[in-house]
Protein backbone atom coordinates (compact mmCIF):
# COMPACT_ATOMS: atom_id res chain seq x y z
CA MET A 1 -18.84 10.70 -17.55
CA VAL A 2 -14.94 10.41 -17.47
CA THR A 3 -13.23 8.31 -15.07
CA ARG A 4 -9.50 9.03 -14.74
CA SER A 5 -7.26 6.47 -13.07
CA THR A 6 -3.50 7.08 -12.48
CA SER A 7 -0.91 4.50 -12.49
CA TYR A 8 2.86 4.72 -11.21
CA ARG A 9 5.57 2.77 -12.03
CA LEU A 10 9.29 2.96 -10.62
CA ARG A 11 11.92 3.27 -13.21
CA ALA A 12 14.53 0.47 -12.13
CA ALA A 13 17.67 -1.05 -13.72
CA ALA A 14 18.39 -4.57 -13.13
CA PRO A 15 18.44 -6.21 -9.85
CA GLN A 16 21.86 -6.34 -8.36
CA PRO A 17 23.38 -8.97 -6.47
CA VAL A 18 24.76 -8.44 -2.89
CA LYS A 19 27.49 -10.49 -1.81
CA GLY A 20 27.87 -12.27 1.31
CA GLU A 21 28.43 -15.60 3.21
CA CYS A 22 26.78 -18.68 2.63
CA ALA A 23 26.09 -19.67 6.20
CA THR A 24 24.72 -23.22 5.23
CA LEU A 25 28.13 -24.80 4.26
CA ASP A 26 30.37 -26.45 6.75
CA SER A 27 33.08 -23.84 6.04
CA PRO A 28 31.08 -20.44 4.85
CA GLY A 29 32.28 -18.98 1.57
CA PRO A 30 31.19 -15.96 -0.56
CA ALA A 31 27.91 -16.44 -2.06
CA THR A 32 24.90 -13.86 -3.15
CA VAL A 33 22.73 -13.52 -0.41
CA ALA A 34 20.17 -11.05 -1.67
CA PHE A 35 19.34 -8.48 -4.45
CA VAL A 36 19.05 -4.87 -4.52
CA LEU A 37 16.71 -3.02 -7.12
CA GLN A 38 18.14 0.24 -7.81
CA THR A 39 15.27 2.72 -8.83
CA PHE A 40 15.63 6.30 -10.49
CA LYS A 41 12.98 8.36 -10.89
CA ALA A 42 9.27 7.00 -11.49
CA GLU A 43 6.47 7.36 -14.40
CA LYS A 44 2.94 8.61 -13.83
CA GLN A 45 0.20 7.76 -16.62
CA ASP A 46 -3.24 8.88 -16.67
CA THR A 47 -6.03 6.83 -18.39
CA ASP A 48 -9.35 8.07 -19.05
CA THR A 49 -12.45 5.74 -19.42
CA CYS A 50 -15.76 7.17 -20.69
CA GLU A 51 -19.19 5.39 -21.25
CA ASP A 52 -20.55 7.90 -23.71
CA GLN A 53 -17.99 9.52 -25.74
CA ALA A 54 -19.27 11.00 -28.90
CA GLN A 55 -16.07 12.04 -30.65
CA LEU A 56 -12.64 10.15 -31.32
CA LEU A 57 -9.32 11.65 -30.90
CA CYS A 58 -7.50 12.86 -33.75
CA SER A 59 -4.34 11.34 -35.28
CA ASN A 60 -2.38 14.63 -34.40
CA ASP A 61 -3.66 13.71 -30.80
CA MET A 62 -1.10 10.82 -30.60
CA GLU A 63 2.28 10.82 -29.43
CA GLY A 64 4.04 9.86 -32.64
CA LEU A 65 2.55 12.92 -34.32
CA GLY A 66 3.12 15.64 -31.42
CA GLY A 67 0.32 14.79 -29.26
CA ASP A 68 -0.16 13.63 -25.47
CA TYR A 69 -1.93 10.09 -25.93
CA VAL A 70 -0.01 7.02 -26.40
CA SER A 71 -3.00 4.82 -27.03
CA ALA A 72 -6.81 4.77 -27.39
CA SER A 73 -9.58 2.28 -27.91
CA TYR A 74 -13.13 2.68 -28.74
CA THR A 75 -16.15 0.30 -28.73
CA ALA A 76 -19.43 1.48 -30.54
CA GLN A 77 -22.01 1.33 -27.66
CA ARG A 78 -25.19 2.92 -29.26
CA PHE A 79 -26.23 4.12 -32.82
CA LEU A 80 -28.36 6.92 -32.47
CA ASP A 81 -30.50 8.66 -35.29
CA PRO A 82 -28.44 9.72 -38.04
CA GLU A 83 -31.21 12.21 -39.45
CA ASN A 84 -31.29 14.46 -36.44
CA ASP A 85 -27.12 15.01 -36.49
CA ASN A 86 -26.64 12.10 -33.71
CA GLY A 87 -24.00 9.45 -34.50
CA ILE A 88 -22.36 6.83 -32.51
CA VAL A 89 -21.86 6.75 -28.82
CA PHE A 90 -18.37 5.15 -27.85
CA THR A 91 -17.07 3.66 -24.91
CA SER A 92 -13.58 4.78 -24.67
CA THR A 93 -10.22 4.31 -23.08
CA GLU A 94 -7.52 7.03 -23.79
CA VAL A 95 -4.17 6.37 -22.19
CA ARG A 96 -1.93 9.64 -21.80
CA LYS A 97 1.79 9.83 -22.07
CA GLU A 98 4.03 9.08 -19.04
CA GLU A 99 5.27 11.86 -17.28
CA ILE A 100 8.45 11.57 -15.49
CA ILE A 101 8.45 12.29 -11.70
CA GLU A 102 10.71 11.93 -8.56
CA GLU A 103 9.93 8.84 -6.66
CA SER A 104 9.34 10.84 -3.54
CA GLU A 105 5.91 11.71 -5.38
CA VAL A 106 4.62 8.12 -5.86
CA PRO A 107 2.29 7.66 -3.02
CA GLY A 108 3.62 4.87 -0.78
CA ALA A 109 6.92 5.29 -1.98
CA GLU A 110 8.45 6.05 1.29
CA ASN A 111 7.11 2.83 2.60
CA LEU A 112 9.41 0.90 0.44
């Protein structure tokens, strides 16, 4: 059974200082009073995890050769009978290429 998880990441520039006045001094002067994080769009990335994967991804499935995956890892879970055309069963994690989406499409982003 394949389990798909989705992660979101806001794309952001470096935090920008907000100029204000330092109220703790006897004579208030200019100071940085806060920081603002400017975001632009977001990334959505899917990760598929499977406990009983029978086949590995091909090299052509990876992003560097034109595919949709950025990484994949496999661990041999069971070795089946090779005489009956049964091979190795893997536990796998396959990460797809991120998709650029609008910030409003990120769940909970309207609360930020």
